[in-house]
Amino acid sequence: MTPAGKISITVNGEAREIAAGSNIVEMLEQLGVDSQRVAVELNRAIARNPDWTRTTVEPGSQVEIVEFVGGG
């Protein structure tokens, strides 16, 4: 059971809770993820960065977050 105002989602195979009505940027903030260094897949579709503030994460969503890593 989720607390009031929260929804359950799956992030990289792990059950997580975020605030209901969150967009992708807000979800990343709640998860402590730097939005400048990631790509996001929402329900098996790549979410384009320009759309993140307009894309609401719905209950039960499947999210994959891939962090960019520099190296050389």
C-alpha atoms as a PDB file:
ATOM      1  CA  MET A   1       0.000   0.000   0.000  1.00  0.00           C
ATOM      2  CA  THR A   2       1.372   3.416  -0.918  1.00  0.00           C
ATOM      3  CA  PRO A   3       1.124   6.477   1.338  1.00  0.00           C
ATOM      4  CA  ALA A   4      -1.405   9.155   0.354  1.00  0.00           C
ATOM      5  CA  GLY A   5      -0.163  11.273  -2.508  1.00  0.00           C
ATOM      6  CA  LYS A   6       2.361   8.637  -3.628  1.00  0.00           C
ATOM      7  CA  ILE A   7       2.379   6.235  -6.553  1.00  0.00           C
ATOM      8  CA  SER A   8       4.321   3.024  -7.096  1.00  0.00           C
ATOM      9  CA  ILE A   9       6.611   2.686 -10.112  1.00  0.00           C
ATOM     10  CA  THR A  10       9.458   0.384 -11.098  1.00  0.00           C
ATOM     11  CA  VAL A  11      12.857   1.987 -11.640  1.00  0.00           C
ATOM     12  CA  ASN A  12      15.595  -0.197 -13.132  1.00  0.00           C
ATOM     13  CA  GLY A  13      13.742  -3.281 -11.884  1.00  0.00           C
ATOM     14  CA  GLU A  14      13.249  -1.946  -8.325  1.00  0.00           C
ATOM     15  CA  ALA A  15       9.916  -0.900  -6.788  1.00  0.00           C
ATOM     16  CA  ARG A  16       9.964   2.794  -5.842  1.00  0.00           C
ATOM     17  CA  GLU A  17       7.465   5.421  -4.731  1.00  0.00           C
ATOM     18  CA  ILE A  18       7.240   8.997  -5.966  1.00  0.00           C
ATOM     19  CA  ALA A  19       4.773  11.845  -5.510  1.00  0.00           C
ATOM     20  CA  ALA A  20       1.591  11.469  -7.544  1.00  0.00           C
ATOM     21  CA  GLY A  21       1.473  13.764 -10.571  1.00  0.00           C
ATOM     22  CA  SER A  22       5.261  13.991 -10.931  1.00  0.00           C
ATOM     23  CA  ASN A  23       6.785  14.628 -14.323  1.00  0.00           C
ATOM     24  CA  ILE A  24      10.074  13.012 -15.353  1.00  0.00           C
ATOM     25  CA  VAL A  25      12.231  15.892 -14.036  1.00  0.00           C
ATOM     26  CA  GLU A  26      10.468  15.802 -10.672  1.00  0.00           C
ATOM     27  CA  MET A  27      10.779  12.011 -10.530  1.00  0.00           C
ATOM     28  CA  LEU A  28      14.536  12.241 -11.119  1.00  0.00           C
ATOM     29  CA  GLU A  29      14.850  14.862  -8.366  1.00  0.00           C
ATOM     30  CA  GLN A  30      12.930  12.643  -5.934  1.00  0.00           C
ATOM     31  CA  LEU A  31      15.201   9.718  -6.804  1.00  0.00           C
ATOM     32  CA  GLY A  32      18.328  11.836  -6.320  1.00  0.00           C
ATOM     33  CA  VAL A  33      19.406  11.480  -9.950  1.00  0.00           C
ATOM     34  CA  ASP A  34      21.242  14.265 -11.823  1.00  0.00           C
ATOM     35  CA  SER A  35      19.005  14.937 -14.821  1.00  0.00           C
ATOM     36  CA  GLN A  36      21.934  16.346 -16.806  1.00  0.00           C
ATOM     37  CA  ARG A  37      23.707  12.988 -16.982  1.00  0.00           C
ATOM     38  CA  VAL A  38      20.974  10.468 -17.818  1.00  0.00           C
ATOM     39  CA  ALA A  39      18.725   9.021 -20.477  1.00  0.00           C
ATOM     40  CA  VAL A  40      15.237   7.887 -19.487  1.00  0.00           C
ATOM     41  CA  GLU A  41      13.070   5.133 -20.920  1.00  0.00           C
ATOM     42  CA  LEU A  42       9.432   5.292 -19.815  1.00  0.00           C
ATOM     43  CA  ASN A  43       7.277   2.241 -20.465  1.00  0.00           C
ATOM     44  CA  ARG A  44       9.678   0.914 -23.121  1.00  0.00           C
ATOM     45  CA  ALA A  45       9.924   4.188 -25.057  1.00  0.00           C
ATOM     46  CA  ILE A  46      12.810   6.651 -24.929  1.00  0.00           C
ATOM     47  CA  ALA A  47      11.614   9.878 -23.338  1.00  0.00           C
ATOM     48  CA  ARG A  48      13.042  12.883 -25.166  1.00  0.00           C
ATOM     49  CA  ASN A  49      14.640  15.405 -22.804  1.00  0.00           C
ATOM     50  CA  PRO A  50      12.617  18.373 -24.161  1.00  0.00           C
ATOM     51  CA  ASP A  51       9.428  16.474 -23.208  1.00  0.00           C
ATOM     52  CA  TRP A  52      10.418  15.622 -19.627  1.00  0.00           C
ATOM     53  CA  THR A  53       8.599  18.541 -17.965  1.00  0.00           C
ATOM     54  CA  ARG A  54       5.406  17.712 -19.898  1.00  0.00           C
ATOM     55  CA  THR A  55       5.480  13.947 -19.341  1.00  0.00           C
ATOM     56  CA  THR A  56       3.670  12.734 -16.222  1.00  0.00           C
ATOM     57  CA  VAL A  57       4.797   9.462 -14.678  1.00  0.00           C
ATOM     58  CA  GLU A  58       1.714   7.307 -14.126  1.00  0.00           C
ATOM     59  CA  PRO A  59       1.175   4.652 -11.420  1.00  0.00           C
ATOM     60  CA  GLY A  60       2.710   1.331 -12.415  1.00  0.00           C
ATOM     61  CA  SER A  61       5.120   2.905 -14.909  1.00  0.00           C
ATOM     62  CA  GLN A  62       8.262   1.002 -15.860  1.00  0.00           C
ATOM     63  CA  VAL A  63      11.254   3.353 -15.869  1.00  0.00           C
ATOM     64  CA  GLU A  64      14.818   2.656 -16.946  1.00  0.00           C
ATOM     65  CA  ILE A  65      17.438   5.278 -16.130  1.00  0.00           C
ATOM     66  CA  VAL A  66      20.859   5.068 -17.752  1.00  0.00           C
ATOM     67  CA  GLU A  67      23.610   7.339 -16.424  1.00  0.00           C
ATOM     68  CA  PHE A  68      26.278   8.663 -18.775  1.00  0.00           C
ATOM     69  CA  VAL A  69      29.783   7.892 -17.550  1.00  0.00           C
ATOM     70  CA  GLY A  70      32.855   9.688 -18.832  1.00  0.00           C
ATOM     71  CA  GLY A  71      36.129   7.924 -19.228  1.00  0.00           C
ATOM     72  CA  GLY A  72      39.135   7.629 -21.305  1.00  0.00           C
END
